Amino acid sequence: MTNGTQGQNTVIYAALAVILLIVIASSFYMFSQLNSLSAKVTELSGQNNNQNAQAINALSARIAALESRFNELKVTGNVILFYDSSCTFCNNKFMLDNLDQTRTILANQSIGLKTVDVKDDPRAALAVGVSNVPVFFAGAADLSANPKLVNFMNALSRISFNLQESPNGITAYPPVTAKVVANLSCAVPGKVQLEEFYSPTCPFCLPVSYGNGTRYNNASIDPRFASLSHDAAQNLSQILGAKISLKQQCINVHSLTDNEQVLNVSASDEGLCVNQVGTDAFDKASAAADTYGVAGAPTFVLDCQYITKVRDTTQLEAAICQLHPELCKDLPAPKLPQEILDQLASSANKTANATTNASG
C-alpha cells in the first residue's frame, strides 16, 4: 500500500469517527429531549388530574349546598324534639337513637326536624307551653301548613305517645320517664318525695265501680287492671318506711259526660275529688299538676322534678331506685317485667316506623 492510499484511509476513518460522534451526540440530545417532553406531559397530566379533581370536588360541594337549600325551601312544617341531655333518668336514648333516620323520613314529607336541649336554657320550651321533656312539639302554624305533620303526630299516638293539644300546637309525650322543665327539686337527703296524681274514676289508679256498685276494673275479667297505682304507692310506702314521703293528689281527668256515659255516675272527677279530699286540697293538687304538666292519671312525680307513669310496684320501685340508689342498697334489686323491657328496646324503631306510616 502506498503512502497516498494510507493517507486517504486515515482521512476516511477520521471522517467516519466524526460522523459517529455526531450521531451519538444527536441521539443523546434526542433522548434527553424525549425524556424532558415525557416529563412535561406527565406533569401537565398530573396538573390536569388535580385540577379536574378539585373542580369535581367543588362542583359536588356546590350541588350538596344547593340540595340542602332546596330541602330547606321545600319544608312546610317543623317538629321540634325538646330534651334535657343532663337527665339520666329521662331515657333520652329512646328518643335520640334513630334521630337521623327519622329526620330523613320526615324530610321526604317536607317536614323539618329540629332538636332543642333545654339543659342550660328552658325558655324556648316554656315559651310554647312544654312543661316536661323529652317531647315532640309541632306548632299550630306548622300543623296548618303541612297536613302530613298532623299525620305524623297522630301516628305517634298509636304507639303509646300521649298527645296534648293547646293553642300553641300539639305535644307528643313518649311512654318513658321525663323531667319537669325549670322546676326546682324538693329532694331531701335520705328520702324520696313521691306524689301520686290519680283520678277517682281512673281504672288504673284504684278500684272503680259503675253507678250500680258493680266493679268496673275487675282484674279477674281483664288482667290489665291487676296493677293499680294506689296499691303500688302503698306498697312502696311500706317497703321504704321512713325513706319515703307520699302525697296522693286527686285531679280532674274525666268530665261529667264521660262518667255518665262510661260508668253511669252523675258526677265529674272534680266533684268526686272535692267530696273525697275537700276543695282546698283539690285546688292545690290541680295547681301542682299544672306546674308539672300532668294531664292524665296515674302519674307519679319524684322529688318535684321527675315524672313516671308506671303503676306496678316493681316498676315504681325501679324508678325510685334509679333516682335514689342510696335508698335501695339494702333492698333486693328491682327488675322490670320483661314486657316493659321489650317495649323500651323496640320503641325507638316503632317511632321511626311511625314516621313512614305518617306519609300516607
Protein backbone atom coordinates (compact mmCIF):
# COMPACT_ATOMS: atom_id res chain seq x y z
CA MET A 1 0.00 0.00 0.00
CA THR A 2 1.36 3.42 -0.92
CA ASN A 3 1.69 6.38 1.30
CA GLY A 4 -1.10 8.11 -0.70
CA THR A 5 -3.52 5.29 -0.15
CA GLN A 6 -2.72 5.20 3.57
CA GLY A 7 -3.40 8.95 3.86
CA GLN A 8 -6.75 8.57 2.12
CA ASN A 9 -7.78 5.79 4.50
CA THR A 10 -6.78 7.85 7.50
CA VAL A 11 -8.96 10.72 6.31
CA ILE A 12 -11.89 8.35 5.69
CA TYR A 13 -11.55 6.80 9.16
CA ALA A 14 -11.37 10.19 10.75
CA ALA A 15 -14.48 11.33 8.88
CA LEU A 16 -16.36 8.21 9.93
CA ALA A 17 -15.36 8.80 13.54
CA VAL A 18 -16.61 12.37 13.39
CA ILE A 19 -19.90 11.22 11.82
CA LEU A 20 -20.29 8.56 14.52
CA LEU A 21 -19.68 11.11 17.24
CA ILE A 22 -22.27 13.40 15.65
CA VAL A 23 -24.82 10.55 15.51
CA ILE A 24 -24.15 9.62 19.14
CA ALA A 25 -24.46 13.22 20.26
CA SER A 26 -27.65 13.67 18.26
CA SER A 27 -29.15 10.50 19.71
CA PHE A 28 -28.31 11.59 23.23
CA TYR A 29 -29.84 15.01 22.59
CA MET A 30 -32.99 13.48 21.13
CA PHE A 31 -33.24 11.05 24.04
CA SER A 32 -32.84 13.92 26.51
CA GLN A 33 -35.50 15.94 24.71
CA LEU A 34 -37.89 12.99 24.63
CA ASN A 35 -37.41 12.42 28.36
CA SER A 36 -37.96 16.08 29.04
CA LEU A 37 -41.06 16.11 26.83
CA SER A 38 -42.39 12.96 28.54
CA ALA A 39 -41.81 14.51 31.97
CA LYS A 40 -43.60 17.65 30.84
CA VAL A 41 -46.54 15.64 29.55
CA THR A 42 -46.67 13.72 32.84
CA GLU A 43 -46.50 16.96 34.79
CA LEU A 44 -49.25 18.52 32.72
CA SER A 45 -51.34 15.38 33.03
CA GLY A 46 -50.93 15.40 36.80
CA GLN A 47 -51.86 19.06 36.95
CA ASN A 48 -54.91 18.39 34.83
CA ASN A 49 -55.93 15.48 37.07
CA ASN A 50 -55.54 17.61 40.17
CA GLN A 51 -57.44 20.45 38.55
CA ASN A 52 -60.16 18.07 37.44
CA ALA A 53 -60.40 16.54 40.92
CA GLN A 54 -60.59 19.98 42.51
CA ALA A 55 -63.24 21.04 40.03
CA ILE A 56 -65.27 17.88 40.70
CA ASN A 57 -64.99 18.35 44.47
CA ALA A 58 -66.04 21.98 44.20
CA LEU A 59 -68.97 21.01 41.98
CA SER A 60 -70.04 18.26 44.40
CA ALA A 61 -69.93 20.68 47.33
CA ARG A 62 -71.99 23.19 45.37
CA ILE A 63 -74.57 20.53 44.47
CA ALA A 64 -74.78 19.41 48.10
CA ALA A 65 -75.29 23.02 49.21
CA LEU A 66 -77.98 23.52 46.59
CA GLU A 67 -79.73 20.28 47.64
CA SER A 68 -79.62 21.35 51.28
CA ARG A 69 -81.00 24.76 50.37
CA PHE A 70 -83.71 23.13 48.25
CA ASN A 71 -84.73 20.90 51.15
CA GLU A 72 -84.92 23.94 53.41
CA LEU A 73 -87.06 25.76 50.86
CA LYS A 74 -89.49 22.88 50.42
CA VAL A 75 -90.01 22.31 54.19
CA THR A 76 -93.53 23.43 55.01
CA GLY A 77 -93.68 22.41 58.67
CA ASN A 78 -91.33 21.65 61.54
CA VAL A 79 -91.47 19.33 64.52
CA ILE A 80 -89.20 20.04 67.50
CA LEU A 81 -87.73 17.48 69.86
CA PHE A 82 -87.16 19.10 73.26
CA TYR A 83 -84.92 17.12 75.63
CA ASP A 84 -82.54 17.54 78.56
CA SER A 85 -79.12 15.99 77.95
CA SER A 86 -78.30 16.14 81.68
CA CYS A 87 -81.25 13.94 82.68
CA THR A 88 -80.06 10.35 83.01
CA PHE A 89 -83.47 9.46 84.48
CA CYS A 90 -85.26 10.53 81.27
CA ASN A 91 -84.06 7.73 78.97
CA ASN A 92 -83.24 10.18 76.16
CA LYS A 93 -81.83 7.22 74.22
CA PHE A 94 -85.43 6.25 73.49
CA MET A 95 -85.91 9.47 71.51
CA LEU A 96 -82.43 10.07 70.08
CA ASP A 97 -81.29 6.68 68.78
CA ASN A 98 -83.00 6.93 65.37
CA LEU A 99 -82.97 10.69 65.05
CA ASP A 100 -81.08 10.77 61.72
CA GLN A 101 -83.35 8.15 60.19
CA THR A 102 -86.44 9.98 61.43
CA ARG A 103 -85.11 13.29 60.06
CA THR A 104 -84.56 11.74 56.61
CA ILE A 105 -88.03 10.19 56.50
CA LEU A 106 -89.68 13.44 57.60
CA ALA A 107 -87.69 15.44 55.03
CA ASN A 108 -89.31 13.37 52.29
CA GLN A 109 -92.65 14.64 53.59
CA SER A 110 -91.48 18.28 53.62
CA ILE A 111 -91.21 18.17 57.43
CA GLY A 112 -88.17 19.55 59.20
CA LEU A 113 -86.92 18.06 62.49
CA LYS A 114 -85.15 20.29 64.99
CA THR A 115 -83.67 19.40 68.38
CA VAL A 116 -83.50 21.73 71.37
CA ASP A 117 -81.54 20.83 74.52
CA VAL A 118 -83.15 22.60 77.49
CA LYS A 119 -80.35 21.72 79.92
CA ASP A 120 -78.99 25.26 80.19
CA ASP A 121 -81.90 27.33 78.86
CA PRO A 122 -85.51 26.12 79.07
CA ARG A 123 -87.07 29.35 77.75
CA ALA A 124 -87.72 28.02 74.23
CA ALA A 125 -89.68 25.08 75.66
CA LEU A 126 -91.59 27.15 78.19
CA ALA A 127 -92.50 29.70 75.51
CA VAL A 128 -94.56 27.09 73.63
CA GLY A 129 -96.07 25.54 76.75
CA VAL A 130 -93.78 22.49 77.03
CA SER A 131 -93.62 21.60 80.71
CA ASN A 132 -91.63 18.36 80.71
CA VAL A 133 -89.17 16.60 78.42
CA PRO A 134 -88.41 14.66 76.27
CA VAL A 135 -91.27 15.56 73.95
CA PHE A 136 -92.10 16.19 70.30
CA PHE A 137 -93.78 19.55 69.64
CA ALA A 138 -95.49 20.82 66.49
CA GLY A 139 -96.69 24.42 66.40
CA ALA A 140 -100.18 25.40 65.26
CA ALA A 141 -98.89 27.25 62.17
CA ASP A 142 -96.76 24.29 61.10
CA LEU A 143 -99.67 21.89 61.55
CA SER A 144 -101.85 24.10 59.37
CA ALA A 145 -99.17 24.38 56.67
CA ASN A 146 -98.48 20.66 56.32
CA PRO A 147 -101.20 18.01 56.83
CA LYS A 148 -98.51 15.30 56.83
CA LEU A 149 -97.23 16.75 60.08
CA VAL A 150 -100.66 16.11 61.58
CA ASN A 151 -100.41 12.51 60.32
CA PHE A 152 -97.00 12.13 61.99
CA MET A 153 -98.27 13.33 65.36
CA ASN A 154 -101.30 11.03 65.11
CA ALA A 155 -99.00 8.11 64.23
CA LEU A 156 -97.08 8.74 67.46
CA SER A 157 -100.30 8.41 69.44
CA ARG A 158 -100.76 4.93 68.01
CA ILE A 159 -97.50 3.81 69.63
CA SER A 160 -98.41 4.99 73.15
CA PHE A 161 -97.34 8.64 72.87
CA ASN A 162 -99.68 10.91 74.85
CA LEU A 163 -100.90 13.80 72.66
CA GLN A 164 -101.89 17.08 74.29
CA GLU A 165 -103.41 20.00 72.38
CA SER A 166 -103.08 23.66 73.26
CA PRO A 167 -103.38 26.99 71.43
CA ASN A 168 -99.62 26.72 70.77
CA GLY A 169 -99.85 23.37 68.99
CA ILE A 170 -99.60 19.68 69.82
CA THR A 171 -97.13 17.95 72.15
CA ALA A 172 -96.45 14.21 71.99
CA TYR A 173 -95.07 12.76 75.22
CA PRO A 174 -93.44 9.31 74.96
CA PRO A 175 -94.25 6.45 77.35
CA VAL A 176 -90.99 6.90 79.26
CA THR A 177 -89.84 8.80 82.31
CA ALA A 178 -89.48 12.57 81.99
CA LYS A 179 -88.13 15.67 83.71
CA VAL A 180 -90.14 18.75 84.60
CA VAL A 181 -88.75 21.82 82.83
CA ALA A 182 -87.48 24.65 85.04
CA ASN A 183 -88.83 23.34 88.33
CA LEU A 184 -86.62 23.18 91.40
CA SER A 185 -86.05 19.85 93.08
CA CYS A 186 -87.57 19.27 96.51
CA ALA A 187 -85.24 16.34 97.24
CA VAL A 188 -84.46 15.65 100.88
CA PRO A 189 -81.32 13.70 101.92
CA GLY A 190 -82.19 10.11 102.75
CA LYS A 191 -85.79 10.34 101.50
CA VAL A 192 -87.72 10.35 98.22
CA GLN A 193 -90.59 12.80 97.81
CA LEU A 194 -93.31 10.87 95.95
CA GLU A 195 -96.56 12.35 94.63
CA GLU A 196 -99.23 10.19 93.04
CA PHE A 197 -101.69 12.00 90.78
CA TYR A 198 -104.87 10.00 90.40
CA SER A 199 -108.45 10.39 89.27
CA PRO A 200 -111.34 8.91 91.27
CA THR A 201 -112.59 7.25 88.06
CA CYS A 202 -109.16 6.14 86.78
CA PRO A 203 -109.37 2.33 86.35
CA PHE A 204 -105.57 2.00 86.55
CA CYS A 205 -105.35 4.02 89.76
CA LEU A 206 -107.80 2.47 92.23
CA PRO A 207 -110.91 0.27 92.35
CA VAL A 208 -113.67 1.86 90.23
CA SER A 209 -117.34 0.87 90.17
CA TYR A 210 -120.35 1.55 87.98
CA GLY A 211 -123.19 3.61 89.36
CA ASN A 212 -124.96 0.41 90.47
CA GLY A 213 -121.97 -0.69 92.53
CA THR A 214 -120.64 -3.36 90.14
CA ARG A 215 -116.86 -3.35 89.88
CA TYR A 216 -115.71 -1.75 86.59
CA ASN A 217 -111.99 -2.64 86.62
CA ASN A 218 -112.26 -6.30 87.61
CA ALA A 219 -108.83 -7.90 87.22
CA SER A 220 -110.32 -11.39 87.07
CA ILE A 221 -112.11 -10.34 83.89
CA ASP A 222 -109.47 -8.01 82.46
CA PRO A 223 -105.88 -8.66 83.62
CA ARG A 224 -104.84 -5.12 82.60
CA PHE A 225 -106.33 -4.00 85.91
CA ALA A 226 -104.17 -6.32 88.00
CA SER A 227 -101.77 -3.46 88.85
CA LEU A 228 -103.13 -0.23 90.30
CA SER A 229 -101.08 2.85 91.12
CA HIS A 230 -102.69 3.25 94.56
CA ASP A 231 -101.53 -0.24 95.50
CA ALA A 232 -98.02 0.43 94.16
CA ALA A 233 -97.74 3.65 96.18
CA GLN A 234 -98.90 1.98 99.38
CA ASN A 235 -96.58 -0.99 98.84
CA LEU A 236 -93.56 1.26 98.34
CA SER A 237 -94.55 3.24 101.41
CA GLN A 238 -94.38 0.03 103.42
CA ILE A 239 -91.13 -1.14 101.78
CA LEU A 240 -89.23 2.13 102.26
CA GLY A 241 -90.86 3.28 105.50
CA ALA A 242 -89.25 6.48 106.72
CA LYS A 243 -87.29 6.77 103.44
CA ILE A 244 -90.36 7.88 101.53
CA SER A 245 -92.79 10.80 101.83
CA LEU A 246 -96.02 10.02 99.96
CA LYS A 247 -98.66 12.53 98.88
CA GLN A 248 -101.67 11.37 96.87
CA GLN A 249 -103.19 14.12 94.70
CA CYS A 250 -106.76 13.84 93.37
CA ILE A 251 -107.17 15.59 89.99
CA ASN A 252 -109.85 16.12 87.37
CA VAL A 253 -109.44 13.87 84.31
CA HIS A 254 -112.97 12.85 83.30
CA SER A 255 -115.91 15.18 82.79
CA LEU A 256 -119.47 14.69 83.96
CA THR A 257 -120.42 13.49 80.47
CA ASP A 258 -117.53 10.99 80.45
CA ASN A 259 -118.52 9.49 83.76
CA GLU A 260 -122.22 9.33 82.87
CA GLN A 261 -121.53 7.56 79.58
CA VAL A 262 -118.92 5.08 80.85
CA LEU A 263 -119.87 4.46 84.49
CA ASN A 264 -123.39 5.82 84.78
CA VAL A 265 -122.09 8.09 87.55
CA SER A 266 -123.65 11.56 87.73
CA ALA A 267 -120.56 13.46 88.84
CA SER A 268 -117.36 14.80 87.29
CA ASP A 269 -113.93 13.91 88.66
CA GLU A 270 -113.73 17.40 90.10
CA GLY A 271 -116.91 16.88 92.08
CA LEU A 272 -115.77 13.46 93.27
CA CYS A 273 -112.37 14.83 94.33
CA VAL A 274 -113.92 17.69 96.26
CA ASN A 275 -116.17 15.22 98.06
CA GLN A 276 -113.19 12.99 98.91
CA VAL A 277 -110.44 15.47 99.88
CA GLY A 278 -112.06 18.90 100.06
CA THR A 279 -111.89 21.99 97.87
CA ASP A 280 -108.56 23.30 99.26
CA ALA A 281 -106.71 20.01 98.71
CA PHE A 282 -108.21 19.65 95.22
CA ASP A 283 -107.15 23.19 94.24
CA LYS A 284 -103.60 22.56 95.46
CA ALA A 285 -103.46 19.25 93.59
CA SER A 286 -104.67 20.94 90.39
CA ALA A 287 -102.05 23.68 90.74
CA ALA A 288 -99.30 21.11 91.27
CA ALA A 289 -100.50 19.16 88.22
CA ASP A 290 -100.30 22.34 86.11
CA THR A 291 -96.77 23.03 87.37
CA TYR A 292 -95.58 19.54 86.47
CA GLY A 293 -97.53 19.31 83.23
CA VAL A 294 -99.55 16.33 84.46
CA ALA A 295 -102.51 15.74 82.17
CA GLY A 296 -103.51 12.15 82.86
CA ALA A 297 -103.61 9.53 85.57
CA PRO A 298 -101.92 7.67 87.02
CA THR A 299 -98.79 9.80 87.13
CA PHE A 300 -96.01 9.76 89.72
CA VAL A 301 -93.72 12.74 90.36
CA LEU A 302 -90.47 12.16 92.24
CA ASP A 303 -88.68 14.97 94.08
CA CYS A 304 -90.83 17.61 92.31
CA GLN A 305 -88.82 17.09 89.11
CA TYR A 306 -89.11 13.62 87.63
CA ILE A 307 -92.21 12.03 86.12
CA THR A 308 -93.04 8.38 85.54
CA LYS A 309 -96.34 6.81 84.51
CA VAL A 310 -95.80 3.33 85.92
CA ARG A 311 -98.48 1.65 88.04
CA ASP A 312 -96.82 -1.59 89.10
CA THR A 313 -94.99 -1.92 92.44
CA THR A 314 -91.86 -3.34 90.79
CA GLN A 315 -91.77 -0.61 88.16
CA LEU A 316 -92.23 2.15 90.71
CA GLU A 317 -89.51 0.67 92.92
CA ALA A 318 -87.17 0.54 89.92
CA ALA A 319 -87.84 4.22 89.16
CA ILE A 320 -87.19 5.27 92.76
CA CYS A 321 -84.03 3.19 93.00
CA GLN A 322 -82.73 4.62 89.73
CA LEU A 323 -83.10 8.14 91.12
CA HIS A 324 -82.07 7.26 94.69
CA PRO A 325 -79.80 4.19 94.67
CA GLU A 326 -78.70 5.01 98.21
CA LEU A 327 -82.24 4.30 99.46
CA CYS A 328 -82.30 0.86 97.89
CA LYS A 329 -78.89 -0.55 98.74
CA ASP A 330 -80.40 -2.89 101.34
CA LEU A 331 -83.34 -3.90 99.14
CA PRO A 332 -83.39 -6.72 96.58
CA ALA A 333 -82.57 -5.27 93.16
CA PRO A 334 -85.86 -4.46 91.41
CA LYS A 335 -86.34 -5.95 87.99
CA LEU A 336 -88.73 -4.56 85.42
CA PRO A 337 -91.14 -7.03 83.86
CA GLN A 338 -89.81 -8.41 80.57
CA GLU A 339 -92.71 -6.90 78.65
CA ILE A 340 -91.64 -3.43 79.79
CA LEU A 341 -88.01 -4.08 78.86
CA ASP A 342 -89.09 -5.33 75.44
CA GLN A 343 -91.24 -2.26 74.95
CA LEU A 344 -88.39 0.13 75.72
CA ALA A 345 -85.99 -1.82 73.49
CA SER A 346 -88.29 -1.64 70.47
CA SER A 347 -89.85 1.79 70.95
CA ALA A 348 -87.15 3.68 69.00
CA ASN A 349 -87.77 1.51 65.94
CA LYS A 350 -91.53 1.96 66.34
CA THR A 351 -91.00 5.72 66.33
CA ALA A 352 -89.12 5.51 63.04
CA ASN A 353 -91.80 3.25 61.56
CA ALA A 354 -94.48 5.69 62.63
CA THR A 355 -92.88 8.42 60.54
CA THR A 356 -93.08 6.14 57.50
CA ASN A 357 -96.76 5.38 58.12
CA ALA A 358 -97.46 9.08 58.53
CA SER A 359 -96.54 9.75 54.88
CA GLY A 360 -99.89 8.37 53.66
